[in-house]
Amino acid sequence: VRHVQGLVDTLDNLRTKNANPSNDAPKPASGEPPMPSSL
């Protein structure tokens, strides 16, 4: 169930981008959320 945290992190990242697209987001908006290397 550890890889699920990566999915939740991705969803949270997308949600943050939708909440404030132009504001300084906590994560670097490179266009795509960083995929966990655990997969």
PDB file of N, CA and C in Angstrom:
ATOM      1  N   VAL A   1       0.857  -1.203   0.000  1.00  0.00           N
ATOM      2  CA  VAL A   1       0.000   0.000   0.000  1.00  0.00           C
ATOM      3  C   VAL A   1       0.888   1.246   0.000  1.00  0.00           C
ATOM      4  N   ARG A   2       2.199   1.029  -0.148  1.00  0.00           N
ATOM      5  CA  ARG A   2       3.117   2.169  -0.081  1.00  0.00           C
ATOM      6  C   ARG A   2       3.038   3.008  -1.354  1.00  0.00           C
ATOM      7  N   HIS A   3       2.807   2.333  -2.488  1.00  0.00           N
ATOM      8  CA  HIS A   3       2.769   3.076  -3.755  1.00  0.00           C
ATOM      9  C   HIS A   3       1.535   3.957  -3.836  1.00  0.00           C
ATOM     10  N   VAL A   4       0.534   3.659  -3.009  1.00  0.00           N
ATOM     11  CA  VAL A   4      -0.685   4.478  -3.012  1.00  0.00           C
ATOM     12  C   VAL A   4      -0.365   5.902  -2.561  1.00  0.00           C
ATOM     13  N   GLN A   5       0.626   6.032  -1.687  1.00  0.00           N
ATOM     14  CA  GLN A   5       1.004   7.362  -1.201  1.00  0.00           C
ATOM     15  C   GLN A   5       1.487   8.225  -2.369  1.00  0.00           C
ATOM     16  N   GLY A   6       2.138   7.592  -3.330  1.00  0.00           N
ATOM     17  CA  GLY A   6       2.599   8.331  -4.505  1.00  0.00           C
ATOM     18  C   GLY A   6       1.420   8.845  -5.313  1.00  0.00           C
ATOM     19  N   LEU A   7       0.390   8.008  -5.443  1.00  0.00           N
ATOM     20  CA  LEU A   7      -0.797   8.430  -6.187  1.00  0.00           C
ATOM     21  C   LEU A   7      -1.491   9.575  -5.465  1.00  0.00           C
ATOM     22  N   VAL A   8      -1.586   9.455  -4.150  1.00  0.00           N
ATOM     23  CA  VAL A   8      -2.223  10.521  -3.364  1.00  0.00           C
ATOM     24  C   VAL A   8      -1.419  11.806  -3.484  1.00  0.00           C
ATOM     25  N   ASP A   9      -0.101  11.672  -3.510  1.00  0.00           N
ATOM     26  CA  ASP A   9       0.755  12.845  -3.637  1.00  0.00           C
ATOM     27  C   ASP A   9       0.548  13.498  -4.996  1.00  0.00           C
ATOM     28  N   THR A  10       0.373  12.667  -6.035  1.00  0.00           N
ATOM     29  CA  THR A  10       0.130  13.201  -7.376  1.00  0.00           C
ATOM     30  C   THR A  10      -1.202  13.926  -7.426  1.00  0.00           C
ATOM     31  N   LEU A  11      -2.228  13.312  -6.836  1.00  0.00           N
ATOM     32  CA  LEU A  11      -3.545  13.951  -6.825  1.00  0.00           C
ATOM     33  C   LEU A  11      -3.487  15.262  -6.056  1.00  0.00           C
ATOM     34  N   ASP A  12      -2.763  15.267  -4.949  1.00  0.00           N
ATOM     35  CA  ASP A  12      -2.647  16.485  -4.145  1.00  0.00           C
ATOM     36  C   ASP A  12      -1.903  17.560  -4.930  1.00  0.00           C
ATOM     37  N   ASN A  13      -0.920  17.138  -5.702  1.00  0.00           N
ATOM     38  CA  ASN A  13      -0.158  18.092  -6.504  1.00  0.00           C
ATOM     39  C   ASN A  13      -1.054  18.714  -7.570  1.00  0.00           C
ATOM     40  N   LEU A  14      -1.868  17.877  -8.230  1.00  0.00           N
ATOM     41  CA  LEU A  14      -2.787  18.387  -9.242  1.00  0.00           C
ATOM     42  C   LEU A  14      -3.809  19.311  -8.603  1.00  0.00           C
ATOM     43  N   ARG A  15      -4.291  18.926  -7.426  1.00  0.00           N
ATOM     44  CA  ARG A  15      -5.286  19.757  -6.734  1.00  0.00           C
ATOM     45  C   ARG A  15      -4.681  21.116  -6.381  1.00  0.00           C
ATOM     46  N   THR A  16      -3.422  21.095  -5.956  1.00  0.00           N
ATOM     47  CA  THR A  16      -2.759  22.355  -5.608  1.00  0.00           C
ATOM     48  C   THR A  16      -2.586  23.217  -6.847  1.00  0.00           C
ATOM     49  N   LYS A  17      -2.272  22.577  -7.973  1.00  0.00           N
ATOM     50  CA  LYS A  17      -2.089  23.335  -9.210  1.00  0.00           C
ATOM     51  C   LYS A  17      -3.412  23.947  -9.655  1.00  0.00           C
ATOM     52  N   ASN A  18      -4.517  23.206  -9.441  1.00  0.00           N
ATOM     53  CA  ASN A  18      -5.833  23.722  -9.815  1.00  0.00           C
ATOM     54  C   ASN A  18      -6.255  24.847  -8.874  1.00  0.00           C
ATOM     55  N   ALA A  19      -5.846  24.736  -7.616  1.00  0.00           N
ATOM     56  CA  ALA A  19      -6.231  25.743  -6.627  1.00  0.00           C
ATOM     57  C   ALA A  19      -5.521  27.067  -6.919  1.00  0.00           C
ATOM     58  N   ASN A  20      -4.235  26.995  -7.191  1.00  0.00           N
ATOM     59  CA  ASN A  20      -3.481  28.215  -7.504  1.00  0.00           C
ATOM     60  C   ASN A  20      -2.494  27.919  -8.632  1.00  0.00           C
ATOM     61  N   PRO A  21      -2.943  28.093  -9.865  1.00  0.00           N
ATOM     62  CA  PRO A  21      -2.112  27.782 -11.036  1.00  0.00           C
ATOM     63  C   PRO A  21      -0.950  28.759 -11.204  1.00  0.00           C
ATOM     64  N   SER A  22      -1.174  30.013 -10.849  1.00  0.00           N
ATOM     65  CA  SER A  22      -0.127  31.015 -11.047  1.00  0.00           C
ATOM     66  C   SER A  22       0.631  31.296  -9.765  1.00  0.00           C
ATOM     67  N   ASN A  23       0.036  30.945  -8.635  1.00  0.00           N
ATOM     68  CA  ASN A  23       0.707  31.197  -7.355  1.00  0.00           C
ATOM     69  C   ASN A  23       1.888  30.251  -7.181  1.00  0.00           C
ATOM     70  N   ASP A  24       2.794  30.617  -6.295  1.00  0.00           N
ATOM     71  CA  ASP A  24       3.963  29.769  -6.066  1.00  0.00           C
ATOM     72  C   ASP A  24       3.545  28.497  -5.331  1.00  0.00           C
ATOM     73  N   ALA A  25       3.550  27.387  -6.049  1.00  0.00           N
ATOM     74  CA  ALA A  25       3.147  26.111  -5.466  1.00  0.00           C
ATOM     75  C   ALA A  25       4.295  25.537  -4.646  1.00  0.00           C
ATOM     76  N   PRO A  26       3.982  24.716  -3.639  1.00  0.00           N
ATOM     77  CA  PRO A  26       5.009  24.104  -2.791  1.00  0.00           C
ATOM     78  C   PRO A  26       5.923  23.169  -3.580  1.00  0.00           C
ATOM     79  N   LYS A  27       5.393  22.630  -4.693  1.00  0.00           N
ATOM     80  CA  LYS A  27       6.207  21.727  -5.516  1.00  0.00           C
ATOM     81  C   LYS A  27       6.549  22.412  -6.839  1.00  0.00           C
ATOM     82  N   PRO A  28       7.671  22.114  -7.417  1.00  0.00           N
ATOM     83  CA  PRO A  28       8.076  22.702  -8.696  1.00  0.00           C
ATOM     84  C   PRO A  28       7.138  22.288  -9.813  1.00  0.00           C
ATOM     85  N   ALA A  29       6.460  23.260 -10.416  1.00  0.00           N
ATOM     86  CA  ALA A  29       5.516  22.946 -11.494  1.00  0.00           C
ATOM     87  C   ALA A  29       6.281  22.766 -12.797  1.00  0.00           C
ATOM     88  N   SER A  30       6.741  21.557 -13.033  1.00  0.00           N
ATOM     89  CA  SER A  30       7.496  21.273 -14.254  1.00  0.00           C
ATOM     90  C   SER A  30       6.559  20.849 -15.371  1.00  0.00           C
ATOM     91  N   GLY A  31       5.241  20.912 -15.103  1.00  0.00           N
ATOM     92  CA  GLY A  31       4.273  20.485 -16.107  1.00  0.00           C
ATOM     93  C   GLY A  31       3.688  19.143 -15.727  1.00  0.00           C
ATOM     94  N   GLU A  32       4.527  18.258 -15.222  1.00  0.00           N
ATOM     95  CA  GLU A  32       4.044  16.945 -14.781  1.00  0.00           C
ATOM     96  C   GLU A  32       4.561  16.663 -13.374  1.00  0.00           C
ATOM     97  N   PRO A  33       3.716  16.055 -12.551  1.00  0.00           N
ATOM     98  CA  PRO A  33       4.137  15.724 -11.185  1.00  0.00           C
ATOM     99  C   PRO A  33       5.228  14.662 -11.196  1.00  0.00           C
ATOM    100  N   PRO A  34       6.215  14.768 -10.333  1.00  0.00           N
ATOM    101  CA  PRO A  34       7.314  13.796 -10.271  1.00  0.00           C
ATOM    102  C   PRO A  34       6.809  12.410  -9.905  1.00  0.00           C
ATOM    103  N   MET A  35       7.026  11.450 -10.788  1.00  0.00           N
ATOM    104  CA  MET A  35       6.545  10.097 -10.521  1.00  0.00           C
ATOM    105  C   MET A  35       7.507   9.382  -9.578  1.00  0.00           C
ATOM    106  N   PRO A  36       6.976   8.668  -8.596  1.00  0.00           N
ATOM    107  CA  PRO A  36       7.819   7.938  -7.636  1.00  0.00           C
ATOM    108  C   PRO A  36       8.616   6.844  -8.328  1.00  0.00           C
ATOM    109  N   SER A  37       9.889   6.727  -7.992  1.00  0.00           N
ATOM    110  CA  SER A  37      10.739   5.718  -8.629  1.00  0.00           C
ATOM    111  C   SER A  37      10.475   4.336  -8.051  1.00  0.00           C
ATOM    112  N   SER A  38       9.495   4.249  -7.129  1.00  0.00           N
ATOM    113  CA  SER A  38       9.204   2.946  -6.513  1.00  0.00           C
ATOM    114  C   SER A  38       8.428   2.057  -7.472  1.00  0.00           C
ATOM    115  N   LEU A  39       7.745   2.686  -8.446  1.00  0.00           N
ATOM    116  CA  LEU A  39       6.934   1.891  -9.374  1.00  0.00           C
ATOM    117  C   LEU A  39       7.844   1.047 -10.258  1.00  0.00           C
TER     118      LEU A  39
END
